[in-house]
Amino acid sequence: MTTGDPDEEVISHLRAAGADLSKSAHTLFYIYVATEGGAKRVAGAVGDTGLRAEVRPAALGGGWLCLLQGQLVPSLDALKKYRSRFERLAIAEGGEYDGWEAAVVE
């Protein structure tokens, strides 16, 4: 079922895969920007989230990835707050927030 909300869709896929959404799961967030400096600024701006940031060249194209990861319970409210913040940071650096994924924890 497609809801049009990317966060709801990922949660739906996790649920269908048997995930217990009340448990903490290893979660990754992807923010792509044009420059290494921009990716480092994004990484510095999310230090208060409790997520670890890793800056590296993007797998495709000439841009840079700021990969954020950590353990969290994948609640829709929390993920929408992350999306809002990460989209603003990405846009400020001329990039884009490309969503998140989480491990299936049963």
PDB file of N, CA and C in Angstrom:
ATOM      1  N   MET A   1       0.846  -1.188   0.000  1.00  0.00           N
ATOM      2  CA  MET A   1       0.000   0.000   0.000  1.00  0.00           C
ATOM      3  C   MET A   1       0.885   1.242   0.000  1.00  0.00           C
ATOM      4  N   THR A   2       0.637   2.141  -0.914  1.00  0.00           N
ATOM      5  CA  THR A   2       1.394   3.370  -1.021  1.00  0.00           C
ATOM      6  C   THR A   2       0.583   4.505  -0.416  1.00  0.00           C
ATOM      7  N   THR A   3       1.147   5.163   0.587  1.00  0.00           N
ATOM      8  CA  THR A   3       0.441   6.257   1.259  1.00  0.00           C
ATOM      9  C   THR A   3       0.864   7.616   0.718  1.00  0.00           C
ATOM     10  N   GLY A   4       2.008   7.659   0.043  1.00  0.00           N
ATOM     11  CA  GLY A   4       2.545   8.930  -0.408  1.00  0.00           C
ATOM     12  C   GLY A   4       3.471   9.552   0.623  1.00  0.00           C
ATOM     13  N   ASP A   5       3.445   9.053   1.853  1.00  0.00           N
ATOM     14  CA  ASP A   5       4.334   9.538   2.911  1.00  0.00           C
ATOM     15  C   ASP A   5       5.502   8.569   3.004  1.00  0.00           C
ATOM     16  N   PRO A   6       6.711   9.015   2.663  1.00  0.00           N
ATOM     17  CA  PRO A   6       7.839   8.080   2.636  1.00  0.00           C
ATOM     18  C   PRO A   6       8.155   7.455   3.984  1.00  0.00           C
ATOM     19  N   ASP A   7       7.950   8.165   5.079  1.00  0.00           N
ATOM     20  CA  ASP A   7       8.222   7.599   6.395  1.00  0.00           C
ATOM     21  C   ASP A   7       7.204   6.508   6.738  1.00  0.00           C
ATOM     22  N   GLU A   8       5.938   6.759   6.450  1.00  0.00           N
ATOM     23  CA  GLU A   8       4.906   5.749   6.678  1.00  0.00           C
ATOM     24  C   GLU A   8       5.163   4.508   5.834  1.00  0.00           C
ATOM     25  N   GLU A   9       5.651   4.697   4.614  1.00  0.00           N
ATOM     26  CA  GLU A   9       5.914   3.558   3.737  1.00  0.00           C
ATOM     27  C   GLU A   9       7.044   2.682   4.274  1.00  0.00           C
ATOM     28  N   VAL A  10       8.112   3.292   4.784  1.00  0.00           N
ATOM     29  CA  VAL A  10       9.213   2.495   5.340  1.00  0.00           C
ATOM     30  C   VAL A  10       8.721   1.739   6.568  1.00  0.00           C
ATOM     31  N   ILE A  11       7.960   2.397   7.423  1.00  0.00           N
ATOM     32  CA  ILE A  11       7.415   1.731   8.602  1.00  0.00           C
ATOM     33  C   ILE A  11       6.515   0.570   8.185  1.00  0.00           C
ATOM     34  N   SER A  12       5.715   0.770   7.155  1.00  0.00           N
ATOM     35  CA  SER A  12       4.847  -0.291   6.652  1.00  0.00           C
ATOM     36  C   SER A  12       5.664  -1.488   6.171  1.00  0.00           C
ATOM     37  N   HIS A  13       6.767  -1.224   5.467  1.00  0.00           N
ATOM     38  CA  HIS A  13       7.645  -2.304   4.987  1.00  0.00           C
ATOM     39  C   HIS A  13       8.298  -3.033   6.167  1.00  0.00           C
ATOM     40  N   LEU A  14       8.720  -2.283   7.182  1.00  0.00           N
ATOM     41  CA  LEU A  14       9.308  -2.916   8.367  1.00  0.00           C
ATOM     42  C   LEU A  14       8.291  -3.823   9.055  1.00  0.00           C
ATOM     43  N   ARG A  15       7.084  -3.316   9.209  1.00  0.00           N
ATOM     44  CA  ARG A  15       6.024  -4.101   9.846  1.00  0.00           C
ATOM     45  C   ARG A  15       5.758  -5.370   9.040  1.00  0.00           C
ATOM     46  N   ALA A  16       5.671  -5.245   7.716  1.00  0.00           N
ATOM     47  CA  ALA A  16       5.419  -6.405   6.849  1.00  0.00           C
ATOM     48  C   ALA A  16       6.552  -7.429   6.931  1.00  0.00           C
ATOM     49  N   ALA A  17       7.770  -6.962   7.216  1.00  0.00           N
ATOM     50  CA  ALA A  17       8.917  -7.865   7.334  1.00  0.00           C
ATOM     51  C   ALA A  17       8.998  -8.507   8.718  1.00  0.00           C
ATOM     52  N   GLY A  18       8.053  -8.171   9.595  1.00  0.00           N
ATOM     53  CA  GLY A  18       8.011  -8.782  10.919  1.00  0.00           C
ATOM     54  C   GLY A  18       8.692  -7.987  12.014  1.00  0.00           C
ATOM     55  N   ALA A  19       9.007  -6.736  11.756  1.00  0.00           N
ATOM     56  CA  ALA A  19       9.681  -5.912  12.769  1.00  0.00           C
ATOM     57  C   ALA A  19       8.748  -5.588  13.926  1.00  0.00           C
ATOM     58  N   ASP A  20       9.312  -5.601  15.123  1.00  0.00           N
ATOM     59  CA  ASP A  20       8.605  -5.131  16.317  1.00  0.00           C
ATOM     60  C   ASP A  20       8.964  -3.657  16.459  1.00  0.00           C
ATOM     61  N   LEU A  21       8.031  -2.802  16.108  1.00  0.00           N
ATOM     62  CA  LEU A  21       8.303  -1.366  16.056  1.00  0.00           C
ATOM     63  C   LEU A  21       8.372  -0.702  17.430  1.00  0.00           C
ATOM     64  N   SER A  22       8.239  -1.500  18.473  1.00  0.00           N
ATOM     65  CA  SER A  22       8.420  -0.947  19.821  1.00  0.00           C
ATOM     66  C   SER A  22       9.857  -1.134  20.309  1.00  0.00           C
ATOM     67  N   LYS A  23      10.663  -1.836  19.507  1.00  0.00           N
ATOM     68  CA  LYS A  23      12.047  -2.101  19.882  1.00  0.00           C
ATOM     69  C   LYS A  23      13.011  -1.200  19.122  1.00  0.00           C
ATOM     70  N   SER A  24      14.109  -0.883  19.767  1.00  0.00           N
ATOM     71  CA  SER A  24      15.154  -0.072  19.153  1.00  0.00           C
ATOM     72  C   SER A  24      15.812  -0.846  18.013  1.00  0.00           C
ATOM     73  N   ALA A  25      16.110  -0.144  16.929  1.00  0.00           N
ATOM     74  CA  ALA A  25      16.722  -0.771  15.757  1.00  0.00           C
ATOM     75  C   ALA A  25      17.848   0.115  15.224  1.00  0.00           C
ATOM     76  N   HIS A  26      18.849  -0.511  14.622  1.00  0.00           N
ATOM     77  CA  HIS A  26      19.916   0.241  13.967  1.00  0.00           C
ATOM     78  C   HIS A  26      19.296   0.955  12.771  1.00  0.00           C
ATOM     79  N   THR A  27      19.426   2.276  12.753  1.00  0.00           N
ATOM     80  CA  THR A  27      18.757   3.108  11.750  1.00  0.00           C
ATOM     81  C   THR A  27      19.774   3.999  11.068  1.00  0.00           C
ATOM     82  N   LEU A  28      19.619   4.138   9.746  1.00  0.00           N
ATOM     83  CA  LEU A  28      20.514   4.967   8.941  1.00  0.00           C
ATOM     84  C   LEU A  28      19.717   6.043   8.221  1.00  0.00           C
ATOM     85  N   PHE A  29      20.301   7.247   8.141  1.00  0.00           N
ATOM     86  CA  PHE A  29      19.705   8.379   7.439  1.00  0.00           C
ATOM     87  C   PHE A  29      20.710   8.860   6.396  1.00  0.00           C
ATOM     88  N   TYR A  30      20.227   9.239   5.225  1.00  0.00           N
ATOM     89  CA  TYR A  30      21.094   9.610   4.107  1.00  0.00           C
ATOM     90  C   TYR A  30      20.861  11.062   3.689  1.00  0.00           C
ATOM     91  N   ILE A  31      21.915  11.865   3.766  1.00  0.00           N
ATOM     92  CA  ILE A  31      21.852  13.255   3.312  1.00  0.00           C
ATOM     93  C   ILE A  31      22.964  13.452   2.295  1.00  0.00           C
ATOM     94  N   TYR A  32      22.584  13.831   1.078  1.00  0.00           N
ATOM     95  CA  TYR A  32      23.550  14.044  -0.003  1.00  0.00           C
ATOM     96  C   TYR A  32      23.701  15.534  -0.275  1.00  0.00           C
ATOM     97  N   VAL A  33      24.939  15.985  -0.399  1.00  0.00           N
ATOM     98  CA  VAL A  33      25.226  17.383  -0.712  1.00  0.00           C
ATOM     99  C   VAL A  33      26.341  17.438  -1.756  1.00  0.00           C
ATOM    100  N   ALA A  34      26.588  18.622  -2.289  1.00  0.00           N
ATOM    101  CA  ALA A  34      27.531  18.764  -3.400  1.00  0.00           C
ATOM    102  C   ALA A  34      29.000  18.708  -2.978  1.00  0.00           C
ATOM    103  N   THR A  35      29.300  19.187  -1.770  1.00  0.00           N
ATOM    104  CA  THR A  35      30.712  19.318  -1.399  1.00  0.00           C
ATOM    105  C   THR A  35      31.031  18.598  -0.089  1.00  0.00           C
ATOM    106  N   GLU A  36      32.294  18.281   0.078  1.00  0.00           N
ATOM    107  CA  GLU A  36      32.737  17.667   1.326  1.00  0.00           C
ATOM    108  C   GLU A  36      32.523  18.631   2.495  1.00  0.00           C
ATOM    109  N   GLY A  37      32.818  19.899   2.270  1.00  0.00           N
ATOM    110  CA  GLY A  37      32.607  20.898   3.321  1.00  0.00           C
ATOM    111  C   GLY A  37      31.147  20.962   3.744  1.00  0.00           C
ATOM    112  N   GLY A  38      30.238  20.901   2.771  1.00  0.00           N
ATOM    113  CA  GLY A  38      28.809  20.912   3.077  1.00  0.00           C
ATOM    114  C   GLY A  38      28.403  19.698   3.895  1.00  0.00           C
ATOM    115  N   ALA A  39      28.935  18.532   3.538  1.00  0.00           N
ATOM    116  CA  ALA A  39      28.628  17.304   4.279  1.00  0.00           C
ATOM    117  C   ALA A  39      29.160  17.400   5.710  1.00  0.00           C
ATOM    118  N   LYS A  40      30.330  18.007   5.870  1.00  0.00           N
ATOM    119  CA  LYS A  40      30.895  18.171   7.215  1.00  0.00           C
ATOM    120  C   LYS A  40      30.070  19.156   8.038  1.00  0.00           C
ATOM    121  N   ARG A  41      29.542  20.194   7.403  1.00  0.00           N
ATOM    122  CA  ARG A  41      28.687  21.142   8.126  1.00  0.00           C
ATOM    123  C   ARG A  41      27.397  20.457   8.586  1.00  0.00           C
ATOM    124  N   VAL A  42      26.827  19.627   7.709  1.00  0.00           N
ATOM    125  CA  VAL A  42      25.629  18.872   8.097  1.00  0.00           C
ATOM    126  C   VAL A  42      25.957  17.961   9.271  1.00  0.00           C
ATOM    127  N   ALA A  43      27.072  17.257   9.199  1.00  0.00           N
ATOM    128  CA  ALA A  43      27.481  16.351  10.280  1.00  0.00           C
ATOM    129  C   ALA A  43      27.621  17.119  11.593  1.00  0.00           C
ATOM    130  N   GLY A  44      28.197  18.286  11.540  1.00  0.00           N
ATOM    131  CA  GLY A  44      28.362  19.093  12.747  1.00  0.00           C
ATOM    132  C   GLY A  44      27.045  19.607  13.300  1.00  0.00           C
ATOM    133  N   ALA A  45      26.076  19.814  12.418  1.00  0.00           N
ATOM    134  CA  ALA A  45      24.790  20.378  12.834  1.00  0.00           C
ATOM    135  C   ALA A  45      23.862  19.350  13.463  1.00  0.00           C
ATOM    136  N   VAL A  46      24.206  18.074  13.380  1.00  0.00           N
ATOM    137  CA  VAL A  46      23.323  17.046  13.936  1.00  0.00           C
ATOM    138  C   VAL A  46      23.930  16.370  15.159  1.00  0.00           C
ATOM    139  N   GLY A  47      24.950  16.975  15.722  1.00  0.00           N
ATOM    140  CA  GLY A  47      25.625  16.400  16.881  1.00  0.00           C
ATOM    141  C   GLY A  47      24.728  16.183  18.076  1.00  0.00           C
ATOM    142  N   ASP A  48      23.649  16.950  18.192  1.00  0.00           N
ATOM    143  CA  ASP A  48      22.758  16.825  19.346  1.00  0.00           C
ATOM    144  C   ASP A  48      21.693  15.746  19.179  1.00  0.00           C
ATOM    145  N   THR A  49      21.708  15.028  18.060  1.00  0.00           N
ATOM    146  CA  THR A  49      20.682  14.015  17.824  1.00  0.00           C
ATOM    147  C   THR A  49      21.021  12.666  18.439  1.00  0.00           C
ATOM    148  N   GLY A  50      22.273  12.475  18.841  1.00  0.00           N
ATOM    149  CA  GLY A  50      22.700  11.184  19.339  1.00  0.00           C
ATOM    150  C   GLY A  50      23.083  10.225  18.232  1.00  0.00           C
ATOM    151  N   LEU A  51      23.028  10.700  16.991  1.00  0.00           N
ATOM    152  CA  LEU A  51      23.409   9.878  15.844  1.00  0.00           C
ATOM    153  C   LEU A  51      24.879  10.099  15.507  1.00  0.00           C
ATOM    154  N   ARG A  52      25.539   9.047  15.053  1.00  0.00           N
ATOM    155  CA  ARG A  52      26.922   9.168  14.584  1.00  0.00           C
ATOM    156  C   ARG A  52      26.898   9.601  13.123  1.00  0.00           C
ATOM    157  N   ALA A  53      27.779  10.515  12.782  1.00  0.00           N
ATOM    158  CA  ALA A  53      27.852  11.016  11.407  1.00  0.00           C
ATOM    159  C   ALA A  53      29.141  10.538  10.752  1.00  0.00           C
ATOM    160  N   GLU A  54      29.012  10.129   9.508  1.00  0.00           N
ATOM    161  CA  GLU A  54      30.159   9.732   8.700  1.00  0.00           C
ATOM    162  C   GLU A  54      30.057  10.467   7.370  1.00  0.00           C
ATOM    163  N   VAL A  55      31.119  11.144   6.989  1.00  0.00           N
ATOM    164  CA  VAL A  55      31.154  11.882   5.725  1.00  0.00           C
ATOM    165  C   VAL A  55      32.036  11.111   4.756  1.00  0.00           C
ATOM    166  N   ARG A  56      31.488  10.867   3.560  1.00  0.00           N
ATOM    167  CA  ARG A  56      32.261  10.146   2.536  1.00  0.00           C
ATOM    168  C   ARG A  56      31.731  10.497   1.151  1.00  0.00           C
ATOM    169  N   PRO A  57      32.534  10.237   0.125  1.00  0.00           N
ATOM    170  CA  PRO A  57      32.038  10.497  -1.229  1.00  0.00           C
ATOM    171  C   PRO A  57      30.780   9.665  -1.508  1.00  0.00           C
ATOM    172  N   ALA A  58      29.852  10.237  -2.233  1.00  0.00           N
ATOM    173  CA  ALA A  58      28.640   9.509  -2.611  1.00  0.00           C
ATOM    174  C   ALA A  58      29.013   8.368  -3.548  1.00  0.00           C
ATOM    175  N   ALA A  59      28.257   7.279  -3.488  1.00  0.00           N
ATOM    176  CA  ALA A  59      28.536   6.114  -4.324  1.00  0.00           C
ATOM    177  C   ALA A  59      28.360   6.438  -5.807  1.00  0.00           C
ATOM    178  N   LEU A  60      27.429   7.310  -6.123  1.00  0.00           N
ATOM    179  CA  LEU A  60      27.177   7.703  -7.510  1.00  0.00           C
ATOM    180  C   LEU A  60      27.308   9.210  -7.648  1.00  0.00           C
ATOM    181  N   GLY A  61      27.811   9.658  -8.766  1.00  0.00           N
ATOM    182  CA  GLY A  61      27.934  11.091  -9.011  1.00  0.00           C
ATOM    183  C   GLY A  61      29.126  11.673  -8.287  1.00  0.00           C
ATOM    184  N   GLY A  62      29.205  12.976  -8.294  1.00  0.00           N
ATOM    185  CA  GLY A  62      30.356  13.642  -7.701  1.00  0.00           C
ATOM    186  C   GLY A  62      30.101  14.274  -6.359  1.00  0.00           C
ATOM    187  N   GLY A  63      28.969  13.970  -5.743  1.00  0.00           N
ATOM    188  CA  GLY A  63      28.624  14.602  -4.479  1.00  0.00           C
ATOM    189  C   GLY A  63      29.174  13.871  -3.269  1.00  0.00           C
ATOM    190  N   TRP A  64      28.661  14.269  -2.113  1.00  0.00           N
ATOM    191  CA  TRP A  64      29.112  13.728  -0.836  1.00  0.00           C
ATOM    192  C   TRP A  64      27.920  13.261  -0.022  1.00  0.00           C
ATOM    193  N   LEU A  65      28.150  12.234   0.770  1.00  0.00           N
ATOM    194  CA  LEU A  65      27.137  11.675   1.649  1.00  0.00           C
ATOM    195  C   LEU A  65      27.483  11.977   3.096  1.00  0.00           C
ATOM    196  N   CYS A  66      26.495  12.447   3.822  1.00  0.00           N
ATOM    197  CA  CYS A  66      26.587  12.499   5.278  1.00  0.00           C
ATOM    198  C   CYS A  66      25.656  11.382   5.753  1.00  0.00           C
ATOM    199  N   LEU A  67      26.254  10.280   6.181  1.00  0.00           N
ATOM    200  CA  LEU A  67      25.507   9.125   6.654  1.00  0.00           C
ATOM    201  C   LEU A  67      25.380   9.233   8.171  1.00  0.00           C
ATOM    202  N   LEU A  68      24.146   9.235   8.634  1.00  0.00           N
ATOM    203  CA  LEU A  68      23.870   9.321  10.066  1.00  0.00           C
ATOM    204  C   LEU A  68      23.318   7.981  10.516  1.00  0.00           C
ATOM    205  N   GLN A  69      23.773   7.500  11.665  1.00  0.00           N
ATOM    206  CA  GLN A  69      23.270   6.211  12.126  1.00  0.00           C
ATOM    207  C   GLN A  69      23.266   6.126  13.642  1.00  0.00           C
ATOM    208  N   GLY A  70      22.363   5.287  14.128  1.00  0.00           N
ATOM    209  CA  GLY A  70      22.260   5.064  15.558  1.00  0.00           C
ATOM    210  C   GLY A  70      21.122   4.116  15.868  1.00  0.00           C
ATOM    211  N   GLN A  71      20.939   3.854  17.144  1.00  0.00           N
ATOM    212  CA  GLN A  71      19.859   2.994  17.622  1.00  0.00           C
ATOM    213  C   GLN A  71      18.677   3.863  18.014  1.00  0.00           C
ATOM    214  N   LEU A  72      17.500   3.543  17.487  1.00  0.00           N
ATOM    215  CA  LEU A  72      16.298   4.255  17.900  1.00  0.00           C
ATOM    216  C   LEU A  72      15.066   3.424  17.621  1.00  0.00           C
ATOM    217  N   VAL A  73      14.003   3.735  18.348  1.00  0.00           N
ATOM    218  CA  VAL A  73      12.708   3.115  18.103  1.00  0.00           C
ATOM    219  C   VAL A  73      12.102   3.871  16.918  1.00  0.00           C
ATOM    220  N   PRO A  74      11.760   3.163  15.839  1.00  0.00           N
ATOM    221  CA  PRO A  74      11.276   3.849  14.628  1.00  0.00           C
ATOM    222  C   PRO A  74       9.821   4.324  14.741  1.00  0.00           C
ATOM    223  N   SER A  75       9.606   5.357  15.549  1.00  0.00           N
ATOM    224  CA  SER A  75       8.257   5.911  15.677  1.00  0.00           C
ATOM    225  C   SER A  75       8.035   6.957  14.585  1.00  0.00           C
ATOM    226  N   LEU A  76       6.834   6.994  14.076  1.00  0.00           N
ATOM    227  CA  LEU A  76       6.515   7.920  12.989  1.00  0.00           C
ATOM    228  C   LEU A  76       6.746   9.372  13.404  1.00  0.00           C
ATOM    229  N   ASP A  77       6.374   9.742  14.619  1.00  0.00           N
ATOM    230  CA  ASP A  77       6.570  11.126  15.075  1.00  0.00           C
ATOM    231  C   ASP A  77       8.046  11.510  15.066  1.00  0.00           C
ATOM    232  N   ALA A  78       8.892  10.639  15.621  1.00  0.00           N
ATOM    233  CA  ALA A  78      10.329  10.936  15.668  1.00  0.00           C
ATOM    234  C   ALA A  78      10.907  11.025  14.259  1.00  0.00           C
ATOM    235  N   LEU A  79      10.502  10.117  13.384  1.00  0.00           N
ATOM    236  CA  LEU A  79      11.051  10.105  12.026  1.00  0.00           C
ATOM    237  C   LEU A  79      10.618  11.333  11.230  1.00  0.00           C
ATOM    238  N   LYS A  80       9.415  11.816  11.464  1.00  0.00           N
ATOM    239  CA  LYS A  80       8.967  13.040  10.789  1.00  0.00           C
ATOM    240  C   LYS A  80       9.784  14.248  11.271  1.00  0.00           C
ATOM    241  N   LYS A  81      10.133  14.269  12.562  1.00  0.00           N
ATOM    242  CA  LYS A  81      10.963  15.359  13.078  1.00  0.00           C
ATOM    243  C   LYS A  81      12.364  15.302  12.468  1.00  0.00           C
ATOM    244  N   TYR A  82      12.925  14.093  12.396  1.00  0.00           N
ATOM    245  CA  TYR A  82      14.230  13.950  11.735  1.00  0.00           C
ATOM    246  C   TYR A  82      14.138  14.416  10.286  1.00  0.00           C
ATOM    247  N   ARG A  83      13.096  13.977   9.560  1.00  0.00           N
ATOM    248  CA  ARG A  83      12.944  14.353   8.155  1.00  0.00           C
ATOM    249  C   ARG A  83      12.919  15.870   8.004  1.00  0.00           C
ATOM    250  N   SER A  84      12.123  16.540   8.811  1.00  0.00           N
ATOM    251  CA  SER A  84      12.009  17.986   8.717  1.00  0.00           C
ATOM    252  C   SER A  84      13.368  18.660   8.925  1.00  0.00           C
ATOM    253  N   ARG A  85      14.068  18.239   9.948  1.00  0.00           N
ATOM    254  CA  ARG A  85      15.379  18.833  10.240  1.00  0.00           C
ATOM    255  C   ARG A  85      16.393  18.509   9.151  1.00  0.00           C
ATOM    256  N   PHE A  86      16.458  17.245   8.740  1.00  0.00           N
ATOM    257  CA  PHE A  86      17.457  16.836   7.759  1.00  0.00           C
ATOM    258  C   PHE A  86      17.181  17.442   6.387  1.00  0.00           C
ATOM    259  N   GLU A  87      15.911  17.617   6.022  1.00  0.00           N
ATOM    260  CA  GLU A  87      15.598  18.284   4.749  1.00  0.00           C
ATOM    261  C   GLU A  87      16.081  19.729   4.772  1.00  0.00           C
ATOM    262  N   ARG A  88      15.865  20.432   5.893  1.00  0.00           N
ATOM    263  CA  ARG A  88      16.328  21.826   5.996  1.00  0.00           C
ATOM    264  C   ARG A  88      17.850  21.904   5.877  1.00  0.00           C
ATOM    265  N   LEU A  89      18.555  21.005   6.565  1.00  0.00           N
ATOM    266  CA  LEU A  89      20.022  21.007   6.489  1.00  0.00           C
ATOM    267  C   LEU A  89      20.502  20.710   5.077  1.00  0.00           C
ATOM    268  N   ALA A  90      19.887  19.734   4.431  1.00  0.00           N
ATOM    269  CA  ALA A  90      20.286  19.377   3.067  1.00  0.00           C
ATOM    270  C   ALA A  90      20.058  20.542   2.106  1.00  0.00           C
ATOM    271  N   ILE A  91      18.902  21.154   2.194  1.00  0.00           N
ATOM    272  CA  ILE A  91      18.575  22.276   1.301  1.00  0.00           C
ATOM    273  C   ILE A  91      19.549  23.430   1.510  1.00  0.00           C
ATOM    274  N   ALA A  92      19.920  23.690   2.759  1.00  0.00           N
ATOM    275  CA  ALA A  92      20.859  24.780   3.056  1.00  0.00           C
ATOM    276  C   ALA A  92      22.212  24.553   2.384  1.00  0.00           C
ATOM    277  N   GLU A  93      22.547  23.285   2.107  1.00  0.00           N
ATOM    278  CA  GLU A  93      23.818  22.956   1.457  1.00  0.00           C
ATOM    279  C   GLU A  93      23.632  22.586  -0.011  1.00  0.00           C
ATOM    280  N   GLY A  94      22.437  22.877  -0.560  1.00  0.00           N
ATOM    281  CA  GLY A  94      22.178  22.588  -1.969  1.00  0.00           C
ATOM    282  C   GLY A  94      22.045  21.106  -2.261  1.00  0.00           C
ATOM    283  N   GLY A  95      21.636  20.339  -1.257  1.00  0.00           N
ATOM    284  CA  GLY A  95      21.540  18.897  -1.428  1.00  0.00           C
ATOM    285  C   GLY A  95      20.154  18.373  -1.179  1.00  0.00           C
ATOM    286  N   GLU A  96      20.089  17.075  -0.823  1.00  0.00           N
ATOM    287  CA  GLU A  96      18.796  16.470  -0.554  1.00  0.00           C
ATOM    288  C   GLU A  96      18.899  15.403   0.524  1.00  0.00           C
ATOM    289  N   TYR A  97      17.826  15.283   1.275  1.00  0.00           N
ATOM    290  CA  TYR A  97      17.671  14.218   2.249  1.00  0.00           C
ATOM    291  C   TYR A  97      17.053  13.050   1.503  1.00  0.00           C
ATOM    292  N   ASP A  98      17.702  11.888   1.558  1.00  0.00           N
ATOM    293  CA  ASP A  98      17.249  10.744   0.767  1.00  0.00           C
ATOM    294  C   ASP A  98      16.606   9.657   1.620  1.00  0.00           C
ATOM    295  N   GLY A  99      16.144  10.003   2.802  1.00  0.00           N
ATOM    296  CA  GLY A  99      15.381   9.063   3.593  1.00  0.00           C
ATOM    297  C   GLY A  99      16.200   8.228   4.562  1.00  0.00           C
ATOM    298  N   TRP A 100      15.570   7.165   5.044  1.00  0.00           N
ATOM    299  CA  TRP A 100      16.150   6.357   6.103  1.00  0.00           C
ATOM    300  C   TRP A 100      15.789   4.895   5.888  1.00  0.00           C
ATOM    301  N   GLU A 101      16.500   4.047   6.625  1.00  0.00           N
ATOM    302  CA  GLU A 101      16.179   2.622   6.660  1.00  0.00           C
ATOM    303  C   GLU A 101      16.559   2.110   8.043  1.00  0.00           C
ATOM    304  N   ALA A 102      15.959   1.002   8.429  1.00  0.00           N
ATOM    305  CA  ALA A 102      16.230   0.429   9.740  1.00  0.00           C
ATOM    306  C   ALA A 102      16.307  -1.086   9.635  1.00  0.00           C
ATOM    307  N   ALA A 103      17.064  -1.675  10.534  1.00  0.00           N
ATOM    308  CA  ALA A 103      17.141  -3.125  10.620  1.00  0.00           C
ATOM    309  C   ALA A 103      15.800  -3.658  11.114  1.00  0.00           C
ATOM    310  N   VAL A 104      15.474  -4.868  10.684  1.00  0.00           N
ATOM    311  CA  VAL A 104      14.269  -5.528  11.166  1.00  0.00           C
ATOM    312  C   VAL A 104      14.609  -6.225  12.477  1.00  0.00           C
ATOM    313  N   VAL A 105      14.001  -5.748  13.552  1.00  0.00           N
ATOM    314  CA  VAL A 105      14.206  -6.342  14.878  1.00  0.00           C
ATOM    315  C   VAL A 105      12.882  -6.975  15.279  1.00  0.00           C
ATOM    316  N   GLU A 106      12.915  -8.270  15.486  1.00  0.00           N
ATOM    317  CA  GLU A 106      11.671  -8.983  15.835  1.00  0.00           C
ATOM    318  C   GLU A 106      11.460  -9.063  17.320  1.00  0.00           C
TER     319      GLU A 106
END
